[in-house]
């Protein structure tokens, strides 16, 4: 995701880090759901046509991707 590009209709950035990490700094407009909680929010997330998953190094993003 290019930070200079605007999200399109139905797109969301999902920050899957812990709430404390998100509070320290995050991508503007990103929705925070920790990777452990993604399965609890599938119905809410499936309305989006594209979900860009963000974490610190990639491991938690992979876990969230597999859950979705």
PDB file of N, CA and C in Angstrom:
ATOM      1  N   UNK A   1       0.840  -1.179   0.000  1.00  0.00           N
ATOM      2  CA  UNK A   1       0.000   0.000   0.000  1.00  0.00           C
ATOM      3  C   UNK A   1       0.878   1.233   0.000  1.00  0.00           C
ATOM      4  N   UNK A   2       0.668   2.135  -0.915  1.00  0.00           N
ATOM      5  CA  UNK A   2       1.407   3.388  -1.021  1.00  0.00           C
ATOM      6  C   UNK A   2       0.727   4.431  -0.144  1.00  0.00           C
ATOM      7  N   UNK A   3       1.447   4.994   0.834  1.00  0.00           N
ATOM      8  CA  UNK A   3       0.832   5.927   1.779  1.00  0.00           C
ATOM      9  C   UNK A   3       0.272   7.172   1.114  1.00  0.00           C
ATOM     10  N   UNK A   4       0.672   7.442  -0.119  1.00  0.00           N
ATOM     11  CA  UNK A   4       0.163   8.614  -0.828  1.00  0.00           C
ATOM     12  C   UNK A   4      -1.095   8.290  -1.631  1.00  0.00           C
ATOM     13  N   UNK A   5      -1.407   7.033  -1.720  1.00  0.00           N
ATOM     14  CA  UNK A   5      -2.589   6.576  -2.449  1.00  0.00           C
ATOM     15  C   UNK A   5      -3.770   6.527  -1.491  1.00  0.00           C
ATOM     16  N   UNK A   6      -4.917   6.972  -1.933  1.00  0.00           N
ATOM     17  CA  UNK A   6      -6.111   6.921  -1.091  1.00  0.00           C
ATOM     18  C   UNK A   6      -6.779   5.566  -1.237  1.00  0.00           C
ATOM     19  N   UNK A   7      -7.399   5.120  -0.159  1.00  0.00           N
ATOM     20  CA  UNK A   7      -8.144   3.867  -0.213  1.00  0.00           C
ATOM     21  C   UNK A   7      -9.379   4.046  -1.076  1.00  0.00           C
ATOM     22  N   UNK A   8      -9.682   3.031  -1.831  1.00  0.00           N
ATOM     23  CA  UNK A   8     -10.873   3.054  -2.657  1.00  0.00           C
ATOM     24  C   UNK A   8     -12.095   2.576  -1.884  1.00  0.00           C
ATOM     25  N   UNK A   9     -13.211   2.696  -2.517  1.00  0.00           N
ATOM     26  CA  UNK A   9     -14.471   2.226  -1.928  1.00  0.00           C
ATOM     27  C   UNK A   9     -14.343   0.747  -1.577  1.00  0.00           C
ATOM     28  N   UNK A  10     -14.665   0.388  -0.353  1.00  0.00           N
ATOM     29  CA  UNK A  10     -14.637  -1.008   0.055  1.00  0.00           C
ATOM     30  C   UNK A  10     -13.272  -1.538   0.442  1.00  0.00           C
ATOM     31  N   UNK A  11     -12.263  -0.674   0.528  1.00  0.00           N
ATOM     32  CA  UNK A  11     -10.922  -1.106   0.920  1.00  0.00           C
ATOM     33  C   UNK A  11     -10.645  -0.662   2.359  1.00  0.00           C
ATOM     34  N   UNK A  12      -9.855  -1.449   3.076  1.00  0.00           N
ATOM     35  CA  UNK A  12      -9.517  -1.121   4.463  1.00  0.00           C
ATOM     36  C   UNK A  12      -8.094  -1.584   4.760  1.00  0.00           C
ATOM     37  N   UNK A  13      -7.413  -0.836   5.619  1.00  0.00           N
ATOM     38  CA  UNK A  13      -6.117  -1.260   6.145  1.00  0.00           C
ATOM     39  C   UNK A  13      -6.397  -1.863   7.509  1.00  0.00           C
ATOM     40  N   UNK A  14      -5.985  -3.092   7.702  1.00  0.00           N
ATOM     41  CA  UNK A  14      -6.192  -3.800   8.964  1.00  0.00           C
ATOM     42  C   UNK A  14      -4.853  -3.926   9.679  1.00  0.00           C
ATOM     43  N   UNK A  15      -4.715  -3.220  10.775  1.00  0.00           N
ATOM     44  CA  UNK A  15      -3.509  -3.264  11.594  1.00  0.00           C
ATOM     45  C   UNK A  15      -3.722  -4.358  12.643  1.00  0.00           C
ATOM     46  N   UNK A  16      -2.970  -5.441  12.553  1.00  0.00           N
ATOM     47  CA  UNK A  16      -3.199  -6.600  13.419  1.00  0.00           C
ATOM     48  C   UNK A  16      -2.226  -6.668  14.599  1.00  0.00           C
ATOM     49  N   UNK A  17      -1.605  -5.547  14.897  1.00  0.00           N
ATOM     50  CA  UNK A  17      -0.717  -5.492  16.065  1.00  0.00           C
ATOM     51  C   UNK A  17      -1.551  -5.332  17.333  1.00  0.00           C
ATOM     52  N   UNK A  18      -0.899  -5.473  18.483  1.00  0.00           N
ATOM     53  CA  UNK A  18      -1.576  -5.273  19.770  1.00  0.00           C
ATOM     54  C   UNK A  18      -2.033  -3.822  19.887  1.00  0.00           C
ATOM     55  N   UNK A  19      -3.110  -3.562  20.620  1.00  0.00           N
ATOM     56  CA  UNK A  19      -3.614  -2.191  20.776  1.00  0.00           C
ATOM     57  C   UNK A  19      -2.551  -1.212  21.281  1.00  0.00           C
ATOM     58  N   UNK A  20      -1.645  -1.670  22.150  1.00  0.00           N
ATOM     59  CA  UNK A  20      -0.589  -0.790  22.656  1.00  0.00           C
ATOM     60  C   UNK A  20       0.343  -0.340  21.529  1.00  0.00           C
ATOM     61  N   UNK A  21       0.665  -1.258  20.628  1.00  0.00           N
ATOM     62  CA  UNK A  21       1.527  -0.920  19.498  1.00  0.00           C
ATOM     63  C   UNK A  21       0.818   0.057  18.557  1.00  0.00           C
ATOM     64  N   UNK A  22      -0.457  -0.216  18.315  1.00  0.00           N
ATOM     65  CA  UNK A  22      -1.269   0.656  17.465  1.00  0.00           C
ATOM     66  C   UNK A  22      -1.312   2.068  18.046  1.00  0.00           C
ATOM     67  N   UNK A  23      -1.475   2.169  19.363  1.00  0.00           N
ATOM     68  CA  UNK A  23      -1.555   3.470  20.028  1.00  0.00           C
ATOM     69  C   UNK A  23      -0.245   4.254  19.912  1.00  0.00           C
ATOM     70  N   UNK A  24       0.869   3.556  19.821  1.00  0.00           N
ATOM     71  CA  UNK A  24       2.173   4.214  19.694  1.00  0.00           C
ATOM     72  C   UNK A  24       2.357   4.845  18.321  1.00  0.00           C
ATOM     73  N   UNK A  25       1.623   4.382  17.334  1.00  0.00           N
ATOM     74  CA  UNK A  25       1.712   4.909  15.975  1.00  0.00           C
ATOM     75  C   UNK A  25       1.132   3.934  14.982  1.00  0.00           C
ATOM     76  N   UNK A  26       0.398   4.456  14.009  1.00  0.00           N
ATOM     77  CA  UNK A  26      -0.246   3.593  13.018  1.00  0.00           C
ATOM     78  C   UNK A  26      -0.519   4.359  11.729  1.00  0.00           C
ATOM     79  N   UNK A  27      -0.853   3.633  10.699  1.00  0.00           N
ATOM     80  CA  UNK A  27      -1.227   4.231   9.420  1.00  0.00           C
ATOM     81  C   UNK A  27      -2.568   4.931   9.607  1.00  0.00           C
ATOM     82  N   UNK A  28      -2.643   6.171   9.150  1.00  0.00           N
ATOM     83  CA  UNK A  28      -3.883   6.947   9.279  1.00  0.00           C
ATOM     84  C   UNK A  28      -5.055   6.185   8.675  1.00  0.00           C
ATOM     85  N   UNK A  29      -6.119   6.070   9.441  1.00  0.00           N
ATOM     86  CA  UNK A  29      -7.329   5.401   8.971  1.00  0.00           C
ATOM     87  C   UNK A  29      -7.344   3.895   9.128  1.00  0.00           C
ATOM     88  N   UNK A  30      -6.241   3.323   9.606  1.00  0.00           N
ATOM     89  CA  UNK A  30      -6.187   1.865   9.763  1.00  0.00           C
ATOM     90  C   UNK A  30      -7.105   1.411  10.891  1.00  0.00           C
ATOM     91  N   UNK A  31      -7.723   0.253  10.693  1.00  0.00           N
ATOM     92  CA  UNK A  31      -8.591  -0.361  11.700  1.00  0.00           C
ATOM     93  C   UNK A  31      -7.735  -1.338  12.496  1.00  0.00           C
ATOM     94  N   UNK A  32      -7.803  -1.262  13.815  1.00  0.00           N
ATOM     95  CA  UNK A  32      -6.985  -2.122  14.658  1.00  0.00           C
ATOM     96  C   UNK A  32      -7.793  -3.288  15.215  1.00  0.00           C
ATOM     97  N   UNK A  33      -7.415  -4.488  14.797  1.00  0.00           N
ATOM     98  CA  UNK A  33      -7.943  -5.734  15.363  1.00  0.00           C
ATOM     99  C   UNK A  33      -6.728  -6.644  15.511  1.00  0.00           C
ATOM    100  N   UNK A  34      -6.386  -7.008  16.743  1.00  0.00           N
ATOM    101  CA  UNK A  34      -5.196  -7.840  16.932  1.00  0.00           C
ATOM    102  C   UNK A  34      -5.364  -9.174  16.199  1.00  0.00           C
ATOM    103  N   UNK A  35      -4.243  -9.741  15.792  1.00  0.00           N
ATOM    104  CA  UNK A  35      -4.287 -10.968  14.994  1.00  0.00           C
ATOM    105  C   UNK A  35      -5.027 -12.093  15.708  1.00  0.00           C
ATOM    106  N   UNK A  36      -5.002 -12.098  17.053  1.00  0.00           N
ATOM    107  CA  UNK A  36      -5.713 -13.141  17.795  1.00  0.00           C
ATOM    108  C   UNK A  36      -7.233 -12.978  17.713  1.00  0.00           C
ATOM    109  N   UNK A  37      -7.705 -11.788  17.389  1.00  0.00           N
ATOM    110  CA  UNK A  37      -9.138 -11.489  17.376  1.00  0.00           C
ATOM    111  C   UNK A  37      -9.761 -11.472  15.972  1.00  0.00           C
ATOM    112  N   UNK A  38      -8.962 -11.645  14.945  1.00  0.00           N
ATOM    113  CA  UNK A  38      -9.470 -11.543  13.569  1.00  0.00           C
ATOM    114  C   UNK A  38     -10.639 -12.495  13.322  1.00  0.00           C
ATOM    115  N   UNK A  39     -10.535 -13.727  13.790  1.00  0.00           N
ATOM    116  CA  UNK A  39     -11.631 -14.689  13.574  1.00  0.00           C
ATOM    117  C   UNK A  39     -12.953 -14.206  14.165  1.00  0.00           C
ATOM    118  N   UNK A  40     -12.894 -13.426  15.230  1.00  0.00           N
ATOM    119  CA  UNK A  40     -14.105 -12.904  15.850  1.00  0.00           C
ATOM    120  C   UNK A  40     -14.737 -11.763  15.058  1.00  0.00           C
ATOM    121  N   UNK A  41     -14.036 -11.267  14.037  1.00  0.00           N
ATOM    122  CA  UNK A  41     -14.503 -10.119  13.267  1.00  0.00           C
ATOM    123  C   UNK A  41     -14.673 -10.429  11.772  1.00  0.00           C
ATOM    124  N   UNK A  42     -14.680 -11.688  11.420  1.00  0.00           N
ATOM    125  CA  UNK A  42     -14.764 -12.071  10.007  1.00  0.00           C
ATOM    126  C   UNK A  42     -16.007 -11.490   9.330  1.00  0.00           C
ATOM    127  N   UNK A  43     -17.166 -11.588   9.981  1.00  0.00           N
ATOM    128  CA  UNK A  43     -18.394 -11.065   9.364  1.00  0.00           C
ATOM    129  C   UNK A  43     -18.287  -9.569   9.098  1.00  0.00           C
ATOM    130  N   UNK A  44     -17.702  -8.855  10.022  1.00  0.00           N
ATOM    131  CA  UNK A  44     -17.509  -7.412   9.888  1.00  0.00           C
ATOM    132  C   UNK A  44     -16.531  -7.082   8.757  1.00  0.00           C
ATOM    133  N   UNK A  45     -15.506  -7.906   8.590  1.00  0.00           N
ATOM    134  CA  UNK A  45     -14.465  -7.642   7.601  1.00  0.00           C
ATOM    135  C   UNK A  45     -14.826  -8.102   6.197  1.00  0.00           C
ATOM    136  N   UNK A  46     -15.690  -9.098   6.083  1.00  0.00           N
ATOM    137  CA  UNK A  46     -15.961  -9.652   4.745  1.00  0.00           C
ATOM    138  C   UNK A  46     -16.750  -8.701   3.845  1.00  0.00           C
ATOM    139  N   UNK A  47     -17.211  -7.582   4.365  1.00  0.00           N
ATOM    140  CA  UNK A  47     -17.898  -6.603   3.524  1.00  0.00           C
ATOM    141  C   UNK A  47     -16.924  -5.815   2.650  1.00  0.00           C
ATOM    142  N   UNK A  48     -15.625  -5.889   2.971  1.00  0.00           N
ATOM    143  CA  UNK A  48     -14.618  -5.145   2.209  1.00  0.00           C
ATOM    144  C   UNK A  48     -14.167  -5.946   0.992  1.00  0.00           C
ATOM    145  N   UNK A  49     -13.955  -5.243  -0.114  1.00  0.00           N
ATOM    146  CA  UNK A  49     -13.477  -5.939  -1.312  1.00  0.00           C
ATOM    147  C   UNK A  49     -11.962  -6.149  -1.284  1.00  0.00           C
ATOM    148  N   UNK A  50     -11.261  -5.329  -0.500  1.00  0.00           N
ATOM    149  CA  UNK A  50      -9.811  -5.485  -0.355  1.00  0.00           C
ATOM    150  C   UNK A  50      -9.421  -5.132   1.074  1.00  0.00           C
ATOM    151  N   UNK A  51      -8.579  -5.983   1.663  1.00  0.00           N
ATOM    152  CA  UNK A  51      -8.081  -5.755   3.016  1.00  0.00           C
ATOM    153  C   UNK A  51      -6.561  -5.793   2.943  1.00  0.00           C
ATOM    154  N   UNK A  52      -5.936  -4.690   3.327  1.00  0.00           N
ATOM    155  CA  UNK A  52      -4.481  -4.606   3.381  1.00  0.00           C
ATOM    156  C   UNK A  52      -4.084  -4.841   4.831  1.00  0.00           C
ATOM    157  N   UNK A  53      -3.353  -5.933   5.088  1.00  0.00           N
ATOM    158  CA  UNK A  53      -3.029  -6.323   6.454  1.00  0.00           C
ATOM    159  C   UNK A  53      -1.630  -5.825   6.815  1.00  0.00           C
ATOM    160  N   UNK A  54      -1.536  -5.184   7.972  1.00  0.00           N
ATOM    161  CA  UNK A  54      -0.278  -4.585   8.427  1.00  0.00           C
ATOM    162  C   UNK A  54       0.090  -5.081   9.819  1.00  0.00           C
ATOM    163  N   UNK A  55       1.379  -5.389  10.000  1.00  0.00           N
ATOM    164  CA  UNK A  55       1.936  -5.665  11.322  1.00  0.00           C
ATOM    165  C   UNK A  55       3.383  -5.194  11.306  1.00  0.00           C
ATOM    166  N   UNK A  56       4.144  -5.538  12.297  1.00  0.00           N
ATOM    167  CA  UNK A  56       5.519  -5.037  12.387  1.00  0.00           C
ATOM    168  C   UNK A  56       6.483  -5.762  11.445  1.00  0.00           C
ATOM    169  N   UNK A  57       6.414  -7.100  11.426  1.00  0.00           N
ATOM    170  CA  UNK A  57       7.381  -7.874  10.640  1.00  0.00           C
ATOM    171  C   UNK A  57       6.765  -8.822   9.625  1.00  0.00           C
ATOM    172  N   UNK A  58       5.487  -9.102   9.741  1.00  0.00           N
ATOM    173  CA  UNK A  58       4.839  -9.980   8.773  1.00  0.00           C
ATOM    174  C   UNK A  58       4.222 -11.240   9.337  1.00  0.00           C
ATOM    175  N   UNK A  59       4.702 -11.709  10.471  1.00  0.00           N
ATOM    176  CA  UNK A  59       4.197 -12.954  11.048  1.00  0.00           C
ATOM    177  C   UNK A  59       2.737 -12.874  11.459  1.00  0.00           C
ATOM    178  N   UNK A  60       2.380 -11.802  12.131  1.00  0.00           N
ATOM    179  CA  UNK A  60       0.986 -11.644  12.574  1.00  0.00           C
ATOM    180  C   UNK A  60       0.071 -11.370  11.388  1.00  0.00           C
ATOM    181  N   UNK A  61       0.584 -10.675  10.383  1.00  0.00           N
ATOM    182  CA  UNK A  61      -0.212 -10.438   9.167  1.00  0.00           C
ATOM    183  C   UNK A  61      -0.496 -11.762   8.475  1.00  0.00           C
ATOM    184  N   UNK A  62       0.490 -12.650   8.447  1.00  0.00           N
ATOM    185  CA  UNK A  62       0.287 -13.968   7.842  1.00  0.00           C
ATOM    186  C   UNK A  62      -0.787 -14.756   8.608  1.00  0.00           C
ATOM    187  N   UNK A  63      -0.732 -14.712   9.928  1.00  0.00           N
ATOM    188  CA  UNK A  63      -1.734 -15.398  10.756  1.00  0.00           C
ATOM    189  C   UNK A  63      -3.131 -14.846  10.478  1.00  0.00           C
ATOM    190  N   UNK A  64      -3.241 -13.522  10.409  1.00  0.00           N
ATOM    191  CA  UNK A  64      -4.544 -12.892  10.127  1.00  0.00           C
ATOM    192  C   UNK A  64      -5.028 -13.238   8.724  1.00  0.00           C
ATOM    193  N   UNK A  65      -4.122 -13.246   7.752  1.00  0.00           N
ATOM    194  CA  UNK A  65      -4.459 -13.594   6.380  1.00  0.00           C
ATOM    195  C   UNK A  65      -5.016 -15.021   6.319  1.00  0.00           C
ATOM    196  N   UNK A  66      -4.360 -15.935   6.988  1.00  0.00           N
ATOM    197  CA  UNK A  66      -4.811 -17.335   6.998  1.00  0.00           C
ATOM    198  C   UNK A  66      -6.167 -17.461   7.681  1.00  0.00           C
ATOM    199  N   UNK A  67      -6.410 -16.673   8.714  1.00  0.00           N
ATOM    200  CA  UNK A  67      -7.697 -16.711   9.401  1.00  0.00           C
ATOM    201  C   UNK A  67      -8.826 -16.203   8.504  1.00  0.00           C
ATOM    202  N   UNK A  68      -8.522 -15.185   7.710  1.00  0.00           N
ATOM    203  CA  UNK A  68      -9.543 -14.642   6.812  1.00  0.00           C
ATOM    204  C   UNK A  68      -9.777 -15.547   5.623  1.00  0.00           C
TER     205      UNK A  68
END
